[in-house]
Amino acid sequence: MRIVYAGAPGFSVPPLKALMAAGFEIAACVTQPDKPVGRKALLTPTPLKAFAESAGIPVFAFPKIREHAEALRALSADVMVTCAYGQILTEEVLSAFPLGVYNIHASLLPRWRGASPIQHAILAGDAETGITVMRTQLGLDTGDMLLRRAVAILPEDTAGTLSERLSVLGGECAVEALSMLQKGEAVPEKQDPSAATLCKKIKKEECAVDFSRPAEQICRLVRAMSPAPLAYAYLNGRLVNFYFAEPCAGEGAPGTIIRADKTGIYIAAAPGAVRVTELQAEGGKRMRAADFVNGRKAAAGDVFAKEKR
């Protein structure tokens, strides 16, 4: 089976490696154009492009894939596989592949259709999520499913750690699904639209921590936004990003630091409290709470606020 593979972030690399290891022929990779990164705004390829070029796979970085249906058709591939690609496909693109286009989606569809399924699964307190390989159609993640595989969401999971596990699982699922398709054994299953939930791209303002909310909700927000775009609050007028937090015992005025030592920064919520163990001051580096405290950036009695004061 000859495949065109489309993706962009690091999440999309392990599934491509799995397909290659399983012996599928990768005709080309499609990704997003290089983007300026860092203070010097250096043009940087996507992780998928960097890997594909190192593996000798032709790469197309289309600004608008919908304008290149004929170029895709000319690759004479049987299928296209997408994984966190980030562009909407048109009917002309979908029809360029005789056996269809299939997406590796990071949720158990029809739950969490859309752009941020991993973050929303953690935010909602879901016990599990997973991978769905589905046939792409014009609707948003509405296509028939080839297979679904679940994975537990652990209490200590961040979006980063969960993404790593789902990316590997995505590769296993892609190989299994395309193997079934190649053998003519695939049995697509329709989604139940009544069970569908949607998730949009997360906006930065949605990451602000409101310590007047319950501790468990705050910790889910912190874990869901780590390592990016990061939950945040303001301390003494400076923005502070949070990488990890967990509920703990404690009480006080919401946002007030109850205790700050080498074990963490304990902040009152409503009800309960949260223990922050990794954080980053504006313009600084990610660090352990112990180092943050030793640097006298936080002390008992200081107050975290949702907005800059």
Protein backbone atom coordinates (compact mmCIF):
# COMPACT_ATOMS: atom_id res chain seq x y z
CA MET A 1 0.00 0.00 0.00
CA ARG A 2 1.35 3.39 -1.05
CA ILE A 3 0.72 6.21 1.46
CA VAL A 4 0.91 9.99 1.58
CA TYR A 5 1.34 11.00 5.22
CA ALA A 6 0.34 14.44 6.53
CA GLY A 7 1.20 15.92 9.92
CA ALA A 8 3.24 18.60 11.60
CA PRO A 9 4.05 18.41 15.36
CA GLY A 10 6.15 15.86 17.18
CA PHE A 11 2.97 13.91 17.92
CA SER A 12 2.76 12.95 14.23
CA VAL A 13 6.28 11.46 14.00
CA PRO A 14 5.89 8.13 15.91
CA PRO A 15 2.92 7.01 13.77
CA LEU A 16 4.94 7.67 10.62
CA LYS A 17 7.84 5.65 12.02
CA ALA A 18 5.44 2.81 12.86
CA LEU A 19 4.03 2.74 9.33
CA MET A 20 7.53 2.68 7.87
CA ALA A 21 8.62 -0.11 10.23
CA ALA A 22 5.55 -2.13 9.20
CA GLY A 23 6.65 -1.98 5.58
CA PHE A 24 4.18 0.51 4.15
CA GLU A 25 5.50 2.59 1.28
CA ILE A 26 5.56 6.30 2.09
CA ALA A 27 5.26 8.17 -1.19
CA ALA A 28 5.60 11.62 0.41
CA CYS A 29 4.91 13.63 3.52
CA VAL A 30 2.79 16.77 3.62
CA THR A 31 3.28 19.32 6.39
CA GLN A 32 2.95 22.98 7.29
CA PRO A 33 5.39 25.64 5.99
CA ASP A 34 8.45 26.51 8.07
CA LYS A 35 7.71 29.07 10.80
CA PRO A 36 9.85 31.65 12.62
CA VAL A 37 10.85 30.40 16.07
CA GLY A 38 12.54 32.09 19.02
CA ARG A 39 13.75 35.60 19.60
CA LYS A 40 15.76 35.56 16.39
CA ALA A 41 12.70 34.33 14.46
CA LEU A 42 14.69 31.63 12.69
CA LEU A 43 12.66 29.74 10.08
CA THR A 44 12.22 26.26 11.51
CA PRO A 45 10.72 23.14 9.90
CA THR A 46 8.00 21.14 11.60
CA PRO A 47 9.18 18.04 13.50
CA LEU A 48 7.55 15.90 10.82
CA LYS A 49 9.44 17.64 8.03
CA ALA A 50 12.74 17.35 9.89
CA PHE A 51 12.27 13.61 10.38
CA ALA A 52 10.96 12.92 6.87
CA GLU A 53 13.87 14.71 5.23
CA SER A 54 16.34 12.79 7.42
CA ALA A 55 14.65 9.58 6.24
CA GLY A 56 14.86 10.59 2.57
CA ILE A 57 11.09 11.01 2.14
CA PRO A 58 9.91 13.78 -0.23
CA VAL A 59 8.19 16.58 1.69
CA PHE A 60 5.59 19.11 0.55
CA ALA A 61 4.92 22.10 2.81
CA PHE A 62 1.73 23.43 1.27
CA PRO A 63 0.46 26.74 2.72
CA LYS A 64 -3.02 25.67 1.50
CA ILE A 65 -3.39 22.00 0.69
CA ARG A 66 -6.73 22.60 -1.00
CA GLU A 67 -4.85 24.27 -3.87
CA HIS A 68 -2.70 21.19 -4.53
CA ALA A 69 -5.13 18.32 -5.11
CA GLU A 70 -3.64 17.55 -8.52
CA ALA A 71 -0.10 17.41 -7.12
CA LEU A 72 -1.34 14.91 -4.54
CA ARG A 73 -3.13 12.88 -7.17
CA ALA A 74 0.10 12.75 -9.22
CA LEU A 75 1.81 10.87 -6.37
CA SER A 76 -0.32 7.81 -7.25
CA ALA A 77 -0.86 6.87 -3.62
CA ASP A 78 -3.61 4.53 -2.46
CA VAL A 79 -4.42 6.39 0.74
CA MET A 80 -3.58 9.48 2.71
CA VAL A 81 -3.05 9.30 6.46
CA THR A 82 -3.29 12.46 8.54
CA CYS A 83 -2.20 13.04 12.12
CA ALA A 84 -2.45 16.47 13.80
CA TYR A 85 -2.03 18.05 10.37
CA GLY A 86 -3.98 21.22 11.07
CA GLN A 87 -5.53 22.01 7.69
CA ILE A 88 -9.07 21.34 6.47
CA LEU A 89 -9.28 18.94 3.53
CA THR A 90 -11.59 19.59 0.59
CA GLU A 91 -13.50 17.11 -1.53
CA GLU A 92 -10.84 17.51 -4.26
CA VAL A 93 -8.14 16.40 -1.82
CA LEU A 94 -10.21 13.53 -0.41
CA SER A 95 -10.96 12.21 -3.90
CA ALA A 96 -7.26 12.16 -4.86
CA PHE A 97 -6.79 8.82 -3.05
CA PRO A 98 -8.62 5.71 -4.34
CA LEU A 99 -8.92 4.07 -0.91
CA GLY A 100 -9.64 7.29 0.96
CA VAL A 101 -8.10 9.52 3.60
CA TYR A 102 -7.79 8.35 7.22
CA ASN A 103 -7.11 10.38 10.32
CA ILE A 104 -5.38 9.34 13.55
CA HIS A 105 -7.45 11.24 16.12
CA ALA A 106 -6.43 11.51 19.79
CA SER A 107 -9.75 10.69 21.45
CA LEU A 108 -12.38 7.99 21.61
CA LEU A 109 -14.73 9.44 19.03
CA PRO A 110 -17.37 10.74 18.99
CA ARG A 111 -16.16 12.28 22.27
CA TRP A 112 -13.91 15.30 21.77
CA ARG A 113 -14.18 16.02 18.10
CA GLY A 114 -12.01 19.00 17.25
CA ALA A 115 -8.64 20.63 17.78
CA SER A 116 -7.73 19.94 21.43
CA PRO A 117 -8.98 16.50 22.47
CA ILE A 118 -6.09 15.64 24.81
CA GLN A 119 -6.38 18.84 26.82
CA HIS A 120 -10.16 18.61 27.05
CA ALA A 121 -10.11 14.99 28.22
CA ILE A 122 -7.89 16.01 31.16
CA LEU A 123 -9.91 19.17 31.82
CA ALA A 124 -13.14 17.18 32.01
CA GLY A 125 -11.66 14.65 34.42
CA ASP A 126 -12.22 11.75 31.99
CA ALA A 127 -10.99 8.41 33.28
CA GLU A 128 -9.79 7.35 29.84
CA THR A 129 -9.20 8.58 26.33
CA GLY A 130 -7.58 6.91 23.34
CA ILE A 131 -7.00 6.80 19.61
CA THR A 132 -9.57 6.54 16.85
CA VAL A 133 -8.62 5.85 13.24
CA MET A 134 -11.45 7.24 11.13
CA ARG A 135 -12.16 7.87 7.48
CA THR A 136 -12.04 11.59 6.82
CA GLN A 137 -15.07 13.31 5.36
CA LEU A 138 -16.04 16.96 5.05
CA GLY A 139 -17.56 17.17 8.55
CA LEU A 140 -15.44 17.81 11.65
CA ASP A 141 -14.19 14.37 12.79
CA THR A 142 -17.52 12.80 11.83
CA GLY A 143 -16.30 9.98 9.57
CA ASP A 144 -16.72 6.24 10.01
CA MET A 145 -14.32 4.61 12.48
CA LEU A 146 -11.98 1.76 11.54
CA LEU A 147 -10.89 1.12 15.11
CA ARG A 148 -10.70 2.65 18.60
CA ARG A 149 -8.21 1.86 21.36
CA ALA A 150 -8.49 3.21 24.91
CA VAL A 151 -5.82 4.29 27.39
CA ALA A 152 -6.26 5.34 31.02
CA ILE A 153 -5.66 8.94 32.04
CA LEU A 154 -3.40 8.79 35.10
CA PRO A 155 -3.74 11.22 38.03
CA GLU A 156 -0.25 12.54 37.29
CA ASP A 157 -0.75 12.90 33.53
CA THR A 158 -0.14 16.23 31.84
CA ALA A 159 -1.09 16.89 28.24
CA GLY A 160 2.57 16.25 27.46
CA THR A 161 2.86 12.82 29.07
CA LEU A 162 -0.53 11.72 27.76
CA SER A 163 0.38 12.92 24.26
CA GLU A 164 3.52 10.80 24.28
CA ARG A 165 1.56 7.64 25.08
CA LEU A 166 -1.19 8.44 22.59
CA SER A 167 1.32 9.15 19.84
CA VAL A 168 2.85 5.68 20.23
CA LEU A 169 -0.62 4.13 20.40
CA GLY A 170 -1.55 6.10 17.29
CA GLY A 171 1.22 4.37 15.39
CA GLU A 172 0.05 0.94 16.52
CA CYS A 173 -3.53 1.77 15.55
CA ALA A 174 -2.55 3.16 12.15
CA VAL A 175 -0.63 0.00 11.29
CA GLU A 176 -3.52 -2.22 12.41
CA ALA A 177 -6.16 -0.18 10.60
CA LEU A 178 -4.28 0.05 7.31
CA SER A 179 -3.40 -3.63 7.46
CA MET A 180 -7.11 -4.43 7.73
CA LEU A 181 -7.86 -2.02 4.90
CA GLN A 182 -5.17 -3.59 2.72
CA LYS A 183 -6.56 -7.09 3.31
CA GLY A 184 -10.15 -5.99 2.71
CA GLU A 185 -11.03 -6.81 6.32
CA ALA A 186 -11.90 -3.31 7.53
CA VAL A 187 -15.43 -2.96 8.93
CA PRO A 188 -16.14 0.77 9.39
CA GLU A 189 -18.42 1.76 12.26
CA LYS A 190 -20.58 4.86 12.17
CA GLN A 191 -20.35 7.38 14.99
CA ASP A 192 -23.26 8.13 17.27
CA PRO A 193 -23.84 11.89 16.77
CA SER A 194 -25.91 12.09 19.95
CA ALA A 195 -22.79 11.22 21.97
CA ALA A 196 -20.55 13.79 20.28
CA THR A 197 -18.72 16.51 22.18
CA LEU A 198 -16.70 19.30 20.59
CA CYS A 199 -13.43 20.99 21.57
CA LYS A 200 -12.05 24.12 19.98
CA LYS A 201 -8.49 25.41 19.88
CA ILE A 202 -7.59 26.69 23.33
CA LYS A 203 -7.17 30.44 23.76
CA LYS A 204 -4.55 31.90 26.09
CA GLU A 205 -7.13 33.65 28.24
CA GLU A 206 -8.72 30.28 29.01
CA CYS A 207 -5.48 29.28 30.75
CA ALA A 208 -5.72 31.88 33.53
CA VAL A 209 -6.07 30.19 36.93
CA ASP A 210 -8.98 31.27 39.10
CA PHE A 211 -8.12 30.17 42.63
CA SER A 212 -11.71 30.73 43.74
CA ARG A 213 -12.50 27.44 42.01
CA PRO A 214 -12.14 23.95 43.57
CA ALA A 215 -8.61 22.58 43.87
CA GLU A 216 -9.30 19.57 41.66
CA GLN A 217 -10.49 21.78 38.78
CA ILE A 218 -7.43 24.01 39.10
CA CYS A 219 -5.07 21.06 39.00
CA ARG A 220 -6.78 19.61 35.94
CA LEU A 221 -6.35 22.97 34.19
CA VAL A 222 -2.65 23.08 35.07
CA ARG A 223 -2.04 19.53 33.87
CA ALA A 224 -4.13 19.99 30.72
CA MET A 225 -2.15 23.07 29.65
CA SER A 226 1.30 21.64 30.40
CA PRO A 227 3.72 21.88 28.64
CA ALA A 228 1.85 24.34 26.38
CA PRO A 229 0.20 26.81 26.31
CA LEU A 230 0.55 26.70 30.15
CA ALA A 231 -1.84 27.75 32.88
CA TYR A 232 -0.86 30.97 34.60
CA ALA A 233 -1.61 33.53 37.31
CA TYR A 234 -0.02 36.76 38.52
CA LEU A 235 2.17 37.04 41.61
CA ASN A 236 3.21 40.52 42.73
CA GLY A 237 2.24 41.83 39.31
CA ARG A 238 4.35 39.30 37.39
CA LEU A 239 3.01 36.46 35.26
CA VAL A 240 3.86 32.97 36.53
CA ASN A 241 3.31 29.81 34.47
CA PHE A 242 2.46 26.50 36.14
CA TYR A 243 3.73 23.13 34.88
CA PHE A 244 2.37 20.76 37.51
CA ALA A 245 -0.01 20.94 40.47
CA GLU A 246 -1.91 18.47 42.61
CA PRO A 247 -4.70 18.84 45.19
CA CYS A 248 -3.71 18.90 48.84
CA ALA A 249 -5.12 19.73 52.27
CA GLY A 250 -5.24 23.36 53.30
CA GLU A 251 -7.44 26.41 53.59
CA GLY A 252 -7.24 30.15 53.32
CA ALA A 253 -8.29 33.05 51.16
CA PRO A 254 -8.30 31.86 47.52
CA GLY A 255 -4.96 32.50 45.82
CA THR A 256 -3.04 33.00 49.06
CA ILE A 257 0.20 31.05 49.52
CA ILE A 258 -0.33 28.98 52.66
CA ARG A 259 3.15 27.53 52.70
CA ALA A 260 6.24 27.68 50.49
CA ASP A 261 9.20 25.38 51.02
CA LYS A 262 11.27 22.70 49.31
CA THR A 263 8.23 20.41 48.99
CA GLY A 264 6.22 22.90 46.95
CA ILE A 265 4.16 26.05 46.92
CA TYR A 266 0.80 25.49 48.62
CA ILE A 267 -1.95 27.82 47.39
CA ALA A 268 -5.46 28.09 48.84
CA ALA A 269 -8.39 27.31 46.55
CA ALA A 270 -12.13 27.20 47.23
CA PRO A 271 -12.36 24.63 48.61
CA GLY A 272 -9.06 22.93 49.35
CA ALA A 273 -5.58 23.84 48.19
CA VAL A 274 -3.12 22.99 45.44
CA ARG A 275 0.54 22.11 45.67
CA VAL A 276 2.56 23.51 42.76
CA THR A 277 5.83 21.68 42.16
CA GLU A 278 7.05 23.18 38.86
CA LEU A 279 6.62 26.72 37.61
CA GLN A 280 8.21 29.55 35.67
CA ALA A 281 8.38 33.27 36.35
CA GLU A 282 7.87 35.63 33.44
CA GLY A 283 11.10 35.86 31.46
CA GLY A 284 12.70 33.09 33.52
CA LYS A 285 13.34 29.37 33.24
CA ARG A 286 11.18 26.43 34.22
CA MET A 287 12.18 25.37 37.72
CA ARG A 288 11.25 23.28 40.71
CA ALA A 289 9.20 24.99 43.38
CA ALA A 290 12.11 24.62 45.83
CA ASP A 291 14.36 26.73 43.60
CA PHE A 292 11.57 29.23 43.04
CA VAL A 293 11.18 29.64 46.80
CA ASN A 294 14.94 29.79 47.42
CA GLY A 295 15.12 32.60 44.90
CA ARG A 296 12.63 34.45 47.13
CA LYS A 297 10.11 34.71 44.33
CA ALA A 298 7.34 33.39 46.59
CA ALA A 299 6.59 33.31 50.29
CA ALA A 300 3.70 32.48 52.63
CA GLY A 301 1.14 35.27 52.56
CA ASP A 302 1.77 36.27 48.94
CA VAL A 303 -1.31 36.14 46.71
CA PHE A 304 -1.78 34.77 43.20
CA ALA A 305 -4.36 36.64 41.12
CA LYS A 306 -6.12 35.75 37.89
CA GLU A 307 -5.43 39.20 36.45
CA LYS A 308 -2.47 41.55 36.66
CA ARG A 309 -2.73 44.07 39.49
